[in-house]
Amino acid sequence: MSTIARRKQTDNYQCQICGDWQGKKYDIGVITEIQAHHICPKSESGKDAIENLITLCDFCHAVVHPQRWREYFGNKGIPENMEWIRKEFNEYIESDIEKRERTKRLIWDQFGIKPR
């Protein structure tokens, strides 16, 4: 099993930001895809090590990577506050694992999101 596949499995195929899971279907027919994001990008010598990966849904991954957002939604769908949202997401992703887990629990509890 690849490191990326192990990361997704360890996170139960659930986005570590919003809690969406692989295959979740929205009323508009969109089906969530789960992806692995490199915390330290490969372009900056980031490795495919499990501790350098975080599981994100395609939507949250698109927030982190502007080019993915454009692929999925085009330029018209970019919210005015996208840079602020991207900054918040990146601060969360880049925090140490303990802080990330505490923050995730607070957010998920607030919105009634359950771990799978």
Protein backbone atom coordinates (compact mmCIF):
# COMPACT_ATOMS: atom_id res chain seq x y z
CA MET A 1 0.00 0.00 0.00
CA SER A 2 1.35 3.43 -0.92
CA THR A 3 2.03 6.07 1.72
CA ILE A 4 -0.74 8.22 0.24
CA ALA A 5 -3.20 5.32 0.47
CA ARG A 6 -2.10 4.67 4.08
CA ARG A 7 -2.65 8.34 5.01
CA LYS A 8 -6.18 8.24 3.59
CA GLN A 9 -6.89 4.96 5.37
CA THR A 10 -5.49 6.27 8.68
CA ASP A 11 -7.84 9.26 8.40
CA ASN A 12 -10.77 6.93 7.51
CA TYR A 13 -11.09 8.58 4.09
CA GLN A 14 -12.37 11.73 5.80
CA CYS A 15 -11.29 15.32 5.16
CA GLN A 16 -9.35 16.57 8.15
CA ILE A 17 -10.72 20.09 7.71
CA CYS A 18 -14.43 19.85 6.92
CA GLY A 19 -15.16 16.20 7.77
CA ASP A 20 -16.53 15.20 4.35
CA TRP A 21 -15.81 11.60 3.36
CA GLN A 22 -15.01 9.69 0.21
CA GLY A 23 -18.17 9.21 -1.83
CA LYS A 24 -20.39 11.66 0.10
CA LYS A 25 -23.07 12.79 -2.33
CA TYR A 26 -24.53 16.29 -2.21
CA ASP A 27 -28.06 17.14 -3.36
CA ILE A 28 -26.66 18.80 -6.48
CA GLY A 29 -25.10 15.49 -7.54
CA VAL A 30 -21.51 16.28 -6.60
CA ILE A 31 -19.64 13.34 -5.07
CA THR A 32 -16.76 14.05 -2.68
CA GLU A 33 -13.33 12.80 -3.65
CA ILE A 34 -10.71 12.36 -0.95
CA GLN A 35 -7.13 13.42 -1.73
CA ALA A 36 -3.80 13.56 0.08
CA HIS A 37 -2.15 16.96 0.45
CA HIS A 38 1.59 17.40 1.04
CA ILE A 39 2.07 19.68 4.05
CA CYS A 40 5.58 20.54 2.84
CA PRO A 41 5.12 20.59 -0.95
CA LYS A 42 7.08 18.17 -3.11
CA SER A 43 8.35 21.24 -4.99
CA GLU A 44 10.03 22.28 -1.72
CA SER A 45 11.56 18.82 -1.14
CA GLY A 46 8.51 17.53 0.75
CA LYS A 47 8.41 13.75 0.99
CA ASP A 48 5.64 11.20 0.52
CA ALA A 49 6.00 10.41 4.23
CA ILE A 50 2.82 9.81 6.21
CA GLU A 51 3.66 12.67 8.61
CA ASN A 52 3.94 15.05 5.63
CA LEU A 53 0.47 14.19 4.32
CA ILE A 54 -3.01 15.24 5.38
CA THR A 55 -6.28 13.94 3.98
CA LEU A 56 -8.44 16.63 2.37
CA CYS A 57 -11.62 16.54 0.30
CA ASP A 58 -11.40 17.88 -3.23
CA PHE A 59 -13.09 21.14 -2.19
CA CYS A 60 -10.72 21.91 0.71
CA HIS A 61 -7.76 20.86 -1.45
CA ALA A 62 -8.95 23.35 -4.09
CA VAL A 63 -8.97 26.12 -1.46
CA VAL A 64 -5.33 25.35 -0.61
CA HIS A 65 -4.25 25.19 -4.28
CA PRO A 66 -5.59 28.03 -6.46
CA GLN A 67 -4.86 26.09 -9.66
CA ARG A 68 -7.12 23.24 -8.48
CA TRP A 69 -9.88 25.74 -7.67
CA ARG A 70 -9.74 27.06 -11.24
CA GLU A 71 -9.77 23.48 -12.63
CA TYR A 72 -12.90 22.63 -10.64
CA PHE A 73 -14.82 25.91 -10.56
CA GLY A 74 -13.24 28.35 -13.03
CA ASN A 75 -12.41 31.96 -12.19
CA LYS A 76 -16.02 33.00 -11.57
CA GLY A 77 -16.34 30.87 -8.45
CA ILE A 78 -13.45 32.39 -6.49
CA PRO A 79 -14.85 33.97 -3.30
CA GLU A 80 -13.73 37.50 -2.42
CA ASN A 81 -12.14 36.29 0.80
CA MET A 82 -10.32 33.31 -0.76
CA GLU A 83 -6.87 34.51 0.29
CA TRP A 84 -8.01 34.81 3.92
CA ILE A 85 -9.58 31.32 3.81
CA ARG A 86 -6.43 29.85 2.20
CA LYS A 87 -4.29 31.48 4.91
CA GLU A 88 -6.48 29.99 7.67
CA PHE A 89 -6.41 26.53 6.07
CA ASN A 90 -2.63 26.63 5.66
CA GLU A 91 -2.08 27.73 9.27
CA TYR A 92 -4.20 24.77 10.39
CA ILE A 93 -2.47 22.29 8.06
CA GLU A 94 1.02 23.46 9.03
CA SER A 95 0.39 23.37 12.79
CA ASP A 96 1.76 20.47 14.82
CA ILE A 97 -0.39 17.34 14.94
CA GLU A 98 -1.59 17.87 18.53
CA LYS A 99 -2.78 21.41 17.84
CA ARG A 100 -4.38 20.28 14.58
CA GLU A 101 -6.29 17.51 16.40
CA ARG A 102 -7.50 19.91 19.13
CA THR A 103 -8.66 22.44 16.55
CA LYS A 104 -10.35 19.76 14.47
CA ARG A 105 -12.23 18.40 17.49
CA LEU A 106 -13.45 21.90 18.43
CA ILE A 107 -14.66 22.66 14.91
CA TRP A 108 -16.19 19.23 14.32
CA ASP A 109 -17.96 19.33 17.71
CA GLN A 110 -19.34 22.78 16.96
CA PHE A 111 -20.83 21.61 13.65
CA GLY A 112 -21.83 18.11 14.78
CA ILE A 113 -19.34 16.35 12.50
CA LYS A 114 -18.60 12.79 13.56
CA PRO A 115 -15.40 10.85 12.84
CA ARG A 116 -16.06 7.91 10.56
